[in-house]
C-alpha atoms as a PDB file:
ATOM      1  CA  MET A   1      10.699  -9.681 -20.016  1.00  0.00           C
ATOM      2  CA  VAL A   2      11.718  -8.310 -16.630  1.00  0.00           C
ATOM      3  CA  PRO A   3       8.749  -5.896 -16.355  1.00  0.00           C
ATOM      4  CA  ASN A   4       6.414  -8.792 -17.199  1.00  0.00           C
ATOM      5  CA  LEU A   5       7.997 -10.903 -14.490  1.00  0.00           C
ATOM      6  CA  ILE A   6       7.862  -8.135 -11.890  1.00  0.00           C
ATOM      7  CA  GLY A   7       4.225  -7.395 -12.704  1.00  0.00           C
ATOM      8  CA  ALA A   8       3.323 -11.068 -12.485  1.00  0.00           C
ATOM      9  CA  MET A   9       5.099 -11.505  -9.152  1.00  0.00           C
ATOM     10  CA  CYS A  10       3.299  -8.460  -7.725  1.00  0.00           C
ATOM     11  CA  ALA A  11      -0.072  -9.723  -8.932  1.00  0.00           C
ATOM     12  CA  ILE A  12       0.487 -13.233  -7.585  1.00  0.00           C
ATOM     13  CA  THR A  13       1.705 -11.921  -4.224  1.00  0.00           C
ATOM     14  CA  TRP A  14      -1.308  -9.643  -3.949  1.00  0.00           C
ATOM     15  CA  HIS A  15      -3.656 -12.508  -4.810  1.00  0.00           C
ATOM     16  CA  ILE A  16      -2.098 -14.808  -2.220  1.00  0.00           C
ATOM     17  CA  TYR A  17      -2.611 -12.368   0.636  1.00  0.00           C
ATOM     18  CA  ASP A  18      -5.895 -10.773  -0.417  1.00  0.00           C
ATOM     19  CA  ASN A  19      -8.019 -13.602  -1.882  1.00  0.00           C
ATOM     20  CA  GLN A  20     -10.281 -16.103  -0.231  1.00  0.00           C
ATOM     21  CA  ASP A  21      -8.918 -19.564   0.487  1.00  0.00           C
ATOM     22  CA  ALA A  22     -11.133 -21.042  -2.222  1.00  0.00           C
ATOM     23  CA  LEU A  23      -9.272 -19.108  -4.924  1.00  0.00           C
ATOM     24  CA  TYR A  24      -5.766 -20.428  -4.230  1.00  0.00           C
ATOM     25  CA  GLY A  25      -6.101 -22.853  -7.145  1.00  0.00           C
ATOM     26  CA  LEU A  26      -6.598 -19.930  -9.510  1.00  0.00           C
ATOM     27  CA  VAL A  27      -3.535 -18.182  -8.087  1.00  0.00           C
ATOM     28  CA  THR A  28      -1.486 -21.313  -8.748  1.00  0.00           C
ATOM     29  CA  LEU A  29      -2.890 -21.529 -12.265  1.00  0.00           C
ATOM     30  CA  GLN A  30      -2.024 -17.875 -12.886  1.00  0.00           C
ATOM     31  CA  GLY A  31       1.523 -18.542 -11.697  1.00  0.00           C
ATOM     32  CA  ILE A  32       1.871 -21.542 -13.997  1.00  0.00           C
ATOM     33  CA  PHE A  33       0.598 -19.612 -17.024  1.00  0.00           C
ATOM     34  CA  THR A  34       2.864 -16.681 -16.191  1.00  0.00           C
ATOM     35  CA  PHE A  35       5.847 -19.025 -16.043  1.00  0.00           C
ATOM     36  CA  ILE A  36       4.899 -20.632 -19.365  1.00  0.00           C
ATOM     37  CA  GLY A  37       4.384 -17.249 -21.025  1.00  0.00           C
ATOM     38  CA  ASN A  38       7.681 -15.820 -19.789  1.00  0.00           C
ATOM     39  CA  SER A  39       9.549 -19.002 -20.743  1.00  0.00           C
ATOM     40  CA  THR A  40       8.182 -19.009 -24.282  1.00  0.00           C
ATOM     41  CA  LEU A  41       8.996 -15.292 -24.593  1.00  0.00           C
ATOM     42  CA  ALA A  42      12.580 -15.992 -23.535  1.00  0.00           C
ATOM     43  CA  LEU A  43      12.825 -18.939 -25.923  1.00  0.00           C
ATOM     44  CA  ALA A  44      11.457 -16.876 -28.816  1.00  0.00           C
ATOM     45  CA  SER A  45      13.859 -14.013 -28.177  1.00  0.00           C
ATOM     46  CA  PHE A  46      16.794 -16.418 -27.944  1.00  0.00           C
ATOM     47  CA  THR A  47      15.748 -18.129 -31.186  1.00  0.00           C
ATOM     48  CA  ILE A  48      15.448 -14.802 -32.992  1.00  0.00           C
ATOM     49  CA  PHE A  49      18.852 -13.753 -31.667  1.00  0.00           C
ATOM     50  CA  LYS A  50      20.490 -16.967 -32.846  1.00  0.00           C
ATOM     51  CA  LYS A  51      18.910 -16.876 -36.321  1.00  0.00           C
ATOM     52  CA  GLU A  52      19.737 -13.239 -36.985  1.00  0.00           C
ATOM     53  CA  GLU A  53      22.514 -12.883 -39.522  1.00  0.00           C
ATOM     54  CA  THR A  54      24.984 -10.055 -39.426  1.00  0.00           C
ATOM     55  CA  TYR A  55      26.255  -8.463 -42.588  1.00  0.00           C
ATOM     56  CA  GLU A  56      29.526  -6.868 -41.578  1.00  0.00           C
END
C-alpha cells in the first residue's frame, strides 16, 4: 500500500504544479479516488488478516 500512496502523492503533486488552472477539479477528483482506493485496500487486507485462521 505504501508504494501506491507514494506514487499517488507524487502524481498529485506534479499535477498541482504543472497543470492549467482549469484542471484543478480533476486533480482533486484524482486525490479523492486515490484515497478511496487506498482505504478499501487497507480495509480488505485487514479483513483478510482477521478472518485468516491459524492451525498451530
